[in-house]
Amino acid sequence: MAKNPIKKPSAVKPAKPHPDIWLHPSGRWCKKHAGKAYYFGKADDDPIRVAERYLAARDDWAAGRTHRPTGDGLTLQELCNR
């Protein structure tokens, strides 16, 4: 039996928004810090925003702070504390 000569087209990887982050198999930009994976957006997100999110997290890590993603609403912990 002959092999099928038709190959599936491989997915084209998007360009890296920053050299330190990599594309996780789940399709999100990722960086590991202190043994924990941090995600900065999906592969089809704006590369400039992904890089900005990463640089904000990197600055927090360099200052010794735990990076917290910014959001408009309350976290569950803040809600319970109130």
Protein backbone atom coordinates (compact mmCIF):
# COMPACT_ATOMS: atom_id res chain seq x y z
CA MET A 1 0.00 0.00 0.00
CA ALA A 2 1.44 3.36 -1.04
CA LYS A 3 1.65 6.32 1.27
CA ASN A 4 -0.62 9.27 0.66
CA PRO A 5 1.51 11.91 -1.14
CA ILE A 6 -0.81 14.75 -0.11
CA LYS A 7 0.45 16.55 2.98
CA LYS A 8 -1.57 18.78 5.24
CA PRO A 9 -0.39 22.39 5.24
CA SER A 10 1.48 23.21 8.42
CA ALA A 11 0.23 26.06 10.54
CA VAL A 12 2.22 29.24 10.14
CA LYS A 13 3.59 30.48 13.45
CA PRO A 14 3.20 34.19 14.11
CA ALA A 15 6.28 36.32 14.70
CA LYS A 16 7.39 36.62 18.32
CA PRO A 17 6.27 39.87 19.95
CA HIS A 18 9.32 39.68 22.28
CA PRO A 19 12.36 37.35 22.17
CA ASP A 20 11.85 36.10 25.74
CA ILE A 21 8.34 34.70 25.31
CA TRP A 22 7.29 31.65 23.33
CA LEU A 23 4.11 30.24 21.83
CA HIS A 24 2.56 27.62 24.11
CA PRO A 25 0.87 24.64 22.40
CA SER A 26 -2.46 26.03 23.65
CA GLY A 27 -1.97 28.99 21.29
CA ARG A 28 -1.07 31.59 23.92
CA TRP A 29 2.16 33.54 24.45
CA CYS A 30 3.92 32.23 27.53
CA LYS A 31 6.91 32.83 29.83
CA LYS A 32 7.97 30.76 32.81
CA HIS A 33 9.18 32.63 35.87
CA ALA A 34 10.13 30.94 39.15
CA GLY A 35 8.64 27.66 37.94
CA LYS A 36 5.23 29.12 37.08
CA ALA A 37 3.88 29.77 33.59
CA TYR A 38 2.47 33.21 32.84
CA TYR A 39 0.34 33.87 29.76
CA PHE A 40 0.17 37.20 27.96
CA GLY A 41 -2.43 36.73 25.23
CA LYS A 42 -3.48 34.56 22.34
CA ALA A 43 -1.38 34.07 19.23
CA ASP A 44 -3.74 36.22 17.16
CA ASP A 45 -3.72 39.14 19.66
CA ASP A 46 -1.99 42.40 18.80
CA PRO A 47 1.78 41.76 19.22
CA ILE A 48 2.37 45.21 20.68
CA ARG A 49 -0.16 44.62 23.47
CA VAL A 50 1.28 41.16 24.17
CA ALA A 51 4.77 42.67 24.46
CA GLU A 52 3.45 45.44 26.76
CA ARG A 53 1.82 42.87 29.05
CA TYR A 54 5.05 40.89 29.19
CA LEU A 55 7.20 43.97 29.89
CA ALA A 56 4.85 45.03 32.73
CA ALA A 57 5.14 41.58 34.29
CA ARG A 58 8.93 41.55 33.82
CA ASP A 59 9.21 44.91 35.58
CA ASP A 60 7.16 43.56 38.50
CA TRP A 61 9.36 40.46 38.75
CA ALA A 62 12.53 42.58 38.67
CA ALA A 63 11.18 44.76 41.51
CA GLY A 64 10.33 41.68 43.57
CA ARG A 65 6.58 42.10 43.24
CA THR A 66 4.15 39.37 42.27
CA HIS A 67 2.68 40.18 38.89
CA ARG A 68 -1.09 40.69 38.93
CA PRO A 69 -2.89 41.15 35.66
CA THR A 70 -4.84 44.37 35.60
CA GLY A 71 -8.58 44.16 35.30
CA ASP A 72 -11.56 46.43 35.52
CA GLY A 73 -13.45 44.44 38.13
CA LEU A 74 -12.90 42.95 41.54
CA THR A 75 -11.06 39.73 42.13
CA LEU A 76 -12.85 37.01 44.05
CA GLN A 77 -10.51 37.53 47.00
CA GLU A 78 -11.19 41.29 47.09
CA LEU A 79 -14.92 40.65 46.96
CA CYS A 80 -14.80 38.16 49.85
CA ASN A 81 -12.64 40.50 51.92
CA ARG A 82 -15.15 43.33 51.52
